[in-house]
């Protein structure tokens, strides 16, 4: 089968995983969405663990490209953080990508296959690294102020963003995400 079929399988798997997590999807679910047979899915992805791993690998590649593009389009570190938050706010409000697939999978970390768990851990390391670099640059330029190390501030910001996603999901109100993240950004601009 063509790469297009593999992409459609990955798209369906990612969408289902964002709704139900790793343990909540099967090849039968994907076959129904993509309108292909389960053996076709097995041809492209011999196991559920390999399929989930490839979903996360592709997701991470897209995030890296997005951060590179963001850095080119928005040179100011505060602007980059605002754009990152705005992206998620739009996704949650419009229900296009209501949750970070890696954040959802992290909740299942104790039961994830190792190859999936390793990719999820690497996603969070990379995200924390990008945030720390962005925060440190913002502090250097004077647009951001915080008293902690950039690495710790990055972890706090990341936890706030993902916690706000969870709160918005639990409440069914995207405005919860907006309220929490607006305050997080405000604190970064005024804290000493």
Protein backbone atom coordinates (compact mmCIF):
# COMPACT_ATOMS: atom_id res chain seq x y z
CA UNK A 1 0.00 0.00 0.00
CA UNK A 2 1.04 3.59 -0.47
CA UNK A 3 2.50 6.00 2.07
CA UNK A 4 -0.86 7.76 1.93
CA UNK A 5 -2.48 4.74 3.56
CA UNK A 6 0.18 4.71 6.28
CA UNK A 7 -0.42 8.43 6.86
CA UNK A 8 -4.18 7.88 7.09
CA UNK A 9 -3.58 5.10 9.61
CA UNK A 10 -1.31 7.37 11.66
CA UNK A 11 -3.85 10.20 11.49
CA UNK A 12 -6.65 7.93 12.70
CA UNK A 13 -4.50 6.42 15.44
CA UNK A 14 -3.47 9.85 16.70
CA UNK A 15 -7.05 11.14 16.74
CA UNK A 16 -8.30 8.07 18.60
CA UNK A 17 -5.37 8.16 21.05
CA UNK A 18 -6.12 11.83 21.82
CA UNK A 19 -9.66 10.81 22.75
CA UNK A 20 -9.06 7.49 24.49
CA UNK A 21 -5.35 7.08 25.19
CA UNK A 22 -3.17 4.12 24.28
CA UNK A 23 -5.21 1.48 26.05
CA UNK A 24 -8.46 2.74 24.52
CA UNK A 25 -7.82 2.05 20.86
CA UNK A 26 -7.50 -1.02 18.68
CA UNK A 27 -6.80 -1.86 15.08
CA UNK A 28 -10.54 -2.46 14.66
CA UNK A 29 -11.18 1.19 15.59
CA UNK A 30 -8.64 2.37 13.03
CA UNK A 31 -9.94 0.00 10.34
CA UNK A 32 -13.43 1.44 10.82
CA UNK A 33 -12.24 5.05 10.55
CA UNK A 34 -9.87 4.54 7.60
CA UNK A 35 -12.14 1.98 5.89
CA UNK A 36 -9.43 -0.63 5.46
CA UNK A 37 -8.90 -4.12 6.81
CA UNK A 38 -7.00 -4.93 9.99
CA UNK A 39 -4.44 -6.98 7.99
CA UNK A 40 -3.68 -3.83 5.95
CA UNK A 41 -2.92 -1.99 9.16
CA UNK A 42 -0.70 -4.87 10.32
CA UNK A 43 1.14 -4.69 6.99
CA UNK A 44 2.17 -1.11 7.73
CA UNK A 45 2.42 -1.40 11.52
CA UNK A 46 3.03 -4.96 12.75
CA UNK A 47 2.07 -4.11 16.33
CA UNK A 48 0.02 -1.57 18.24
CA UNK A 49 3.17 -0.50 20.10
CA UNK A 50 5.00 0.26 16.85
CA UNK A 51 1.99 2.15 15.51
CA UNK A 52 1.74 4.26 18.68
CA UNK A 53 5.50 4.85 18.63
CA UNK A 54 5.30 6.06 15.03
CA UNK A 55 2.41 8.38 15.94
CA UNK A 56 4.58 9.96 18.64
CA UNK A 57 7.65 10.10 16.38
CA UNK A 58 5.66 11.93 13.70
CA UNK A 59 4.09 14.20 16.31
CA UNK A 60 7.54 15.10 17.66
CA UNK A 61 8.85 15.82 14.16
CA UNK A 62 5.93 18.18 13.56
CA UNK A 63 6.56 19.94 16.88
CA UNK A 64 10.24 20.44 16.00
CA UNK A 65 9.30 21.92 12.62
CA UNK A 66 6.74 24.16 14.30
CA UNK A 67 9.29 25.48 16.78
CA UNK A 68 11.78 26.17 14.00
CA UNK A 69 9.11 28.01 12.01
CA UNK A 70 7.97 29.89 15.11
CA UNK A 71 11.53 31.05 15.79
CA UNK A 72 11.78 32.39 12.25
CA UNK A 73 8.39 34.12 12.28
CA UNK A 74 8.39 35.46 15.84
CA UNK A 75 11.87 36.57 16.98
CA UNK A 76 10.77 37.76 20.44
CA UNK A 77 10.83 35.00 23.12
CA UNK A 78 7.70 36.35 24.86
CA UNK A 79 5.96 36.38 21.49
CA UNK A 80 7.01 32.77 20.93
CA UNK A 81 5.53 31.71 24.28
CA UNK A 82 2.34 33.62 23.50
CA UNK A 83 2.13 31.96 20.07
CA UNK A 84 2.66 28.52 21.64
CA UNK A 85 -0.15 29.16 24.13
CA UNK A 86 -2.36 30.67 21.41
CA UNK A 87 -1.88 27.57 19.25
CA UNK A 88 -3.17 25.31 22.02
CA UNK A 89 -5.98 27.71 22.90
CA UNK A 90 -7.19 27.64 19.30
CA UNK A 91 -6.91 23.84 19.15
CA UNK A 92 -8.90 23.46 22.36
CA UNK A 93 -11.52 26.08 21.46
CA UNK A 94 -12.05 24.68 17.96
CA UNK A 95 -11.65 21.04 19.10
CA UNK A 96 -9.14 20.32 16.33
CA UNK A 97 -6.42 18.96 18.63
CA UNK A 98 -7.93 19.25 22.09
CA UNK A 99 -5.00 17.70 23.93
CA UNK A 100 -1.31 17.04 23.46
CA UNK A 101 -1.08 13.36 22.57
CA UNK A 102 2.14 13.02 24.58
CA UNK A 103 0.53 14.55 27.67
CA UNK A 104 -2.31 12.10 27.38
CA UNK A 105 0.07 9.18 26.91
CA UNK A 106 2.18 10.33 29.87
CA UNK A 107 -0.80 9.58 32.11
CA UNK A 108 -0.49 5.96 30.98
CA UNK A 109 3.30 5.81 31.34
CA UNK A 110 3.38 2.84 33.77
CA UNK A 111 1.54 0.63 31.27
CA UNK A 112 2.91 1.92 27.97
CA UNK A 113 5.22 -0.29 25.94
CA UNK A 114 8.82 0.87 26.39
CA UNK A 115 9.22 2.07 22.79
CA UNK A 116 6.20 4.36 23.19
CA UNK A 117 7.21 5.53 26.67
CA UNK A 118 10.71 6.39 25.47
CA UNK A 119 9.33 8.64 22.72
CA UNK A 120 6.95 10.33 25.16
CA UNK A 121 9.82 11.01 27.61
CA UNK A 122 11.94 12.39 24.77
CA UNK A 123 9.08 14.69 23.73
CA UNK A 124 8.94 16.21 27.20
CA UNK A 125 12.73 16.60 27.34
CA UNK A 126 12.71 18.43 24.00
CA UNK A 127 9.76 20.61 24.95
CA UNK A 128 11.36 21.51 28.29
CA UNK A 129 14.61 22.29 26.47
CA UNK A 130 12.88 24.58 23.97
CA UNK A 131 10.97 26.32 26.74
CA UNK A 132 14.13 26.78 28.88
CA UNK A 133 16.04 28.21 25.92
CA UNK A 134 13.17 30.55 25.06
CA UNK A 135 12.74 31.65 28.67
CA UNK A 136 16.45 32.27 29.14
CA UNK A 137 16.61 34.32 25.94
CA UNK A 138 13.58 36.32 27.09
CA UNK A 139 15.23 37.01 30.42
CA UNK A 140 18.45 38.04 28.66
CA UNK A 141 16.50 40.46 26.46
CA UNK A 142 14.47 41.78 29.38
CA UNK A 143 11.03 40.73 28.13
CA UNK A 144 10.68 37.95 30.73
CA UNK A 145 11.41 38.00 34.45
CA UNK A 146 11.65 35.03 36.80
CA UNK A 147 13.77 34.19 39.81
CA UNK A 148 14.26 30.47 39.21
CA UNK A 149 16.54 28.72 36.77
CA UNK A 150 15.23 28.66 33.22
CA UNK A 151 15.11 24.85 33.39
CA UNK A 152 12.85 24.88 36.45
CA UNK A 153 10.72 27.69 35.05
CA UNK A 154 10.32 25.67 31.85
CA UNK A 155 9.08 22.66 33.83
CA UNK A 156 6.62 24.87 35.72
CA UNK A 157 5.35 26.48 32.53
CA UNK A 158 5.01 23.12 30.81
CA UNK A 159 3.09 21.70 33.78
CA UNK A 160 0.83 24.76 33.78
CA UNK A 161 0.04 24.40 30.07
CA UNK A 162 -0.72 20.69 30.32
CA UNK A 163 -2.65 21.16 33.55
CA UNK A 164 -4.72 23.85 31.86
CA UNK A 165 -5.44 21.43 28.99
CA UNK A 166 -6.62 18.87 31.50
CA UNK A 167 -8.75 21.41 33.38
CA UNK A 168 -10.35 22.57 30.11
CA UNK A 169 -11.06 18.98 29.15
CA UNK A 170 -12.56 18.17 32.54
CA UNK A 171 -14.75 21.28 32.60
CA UNK A 172 -15.63 21.23 28.91
CA UNK A 173 -14.77 24.93 28.79
CA UNK A 174 -11.89 26.19 26.66
CA UNK A 175 -11.98 29.44 28.62
CA UNK A 176 -10.42 27.62 31.58
CA UNK A 177 -7.30 27.05 29.47
CA UNK A 178 -7.26 30.69 28.42
CA UNK A 179 -7.63 32.02 31.97
CA UNK A 180 -4.84 29.84 33.38
CA UNK A 181 -2.37 30.43 30.58
CA UNK A 182 -3.03 34.17 30.43
CA UNK A 183 -2.11 34.38 34.11
CA UNK A 184 0.99 32.21 33.60
CA UNK A 185 2.24 34.53 30.85
CA UNK A 186 1.42 37.61 32.92
CA UNK A 187 3.46 36.28 35.84
CA UNK A 188 6.45 35.67 33.59
CA UNK A 189 6.36 39.28 32.52
CA UNK A 190 6.20 40.76 36.01
CA UNK A 191 7.81 38.33 38.42
CA UNK A 192 11.24 39.17 39.88
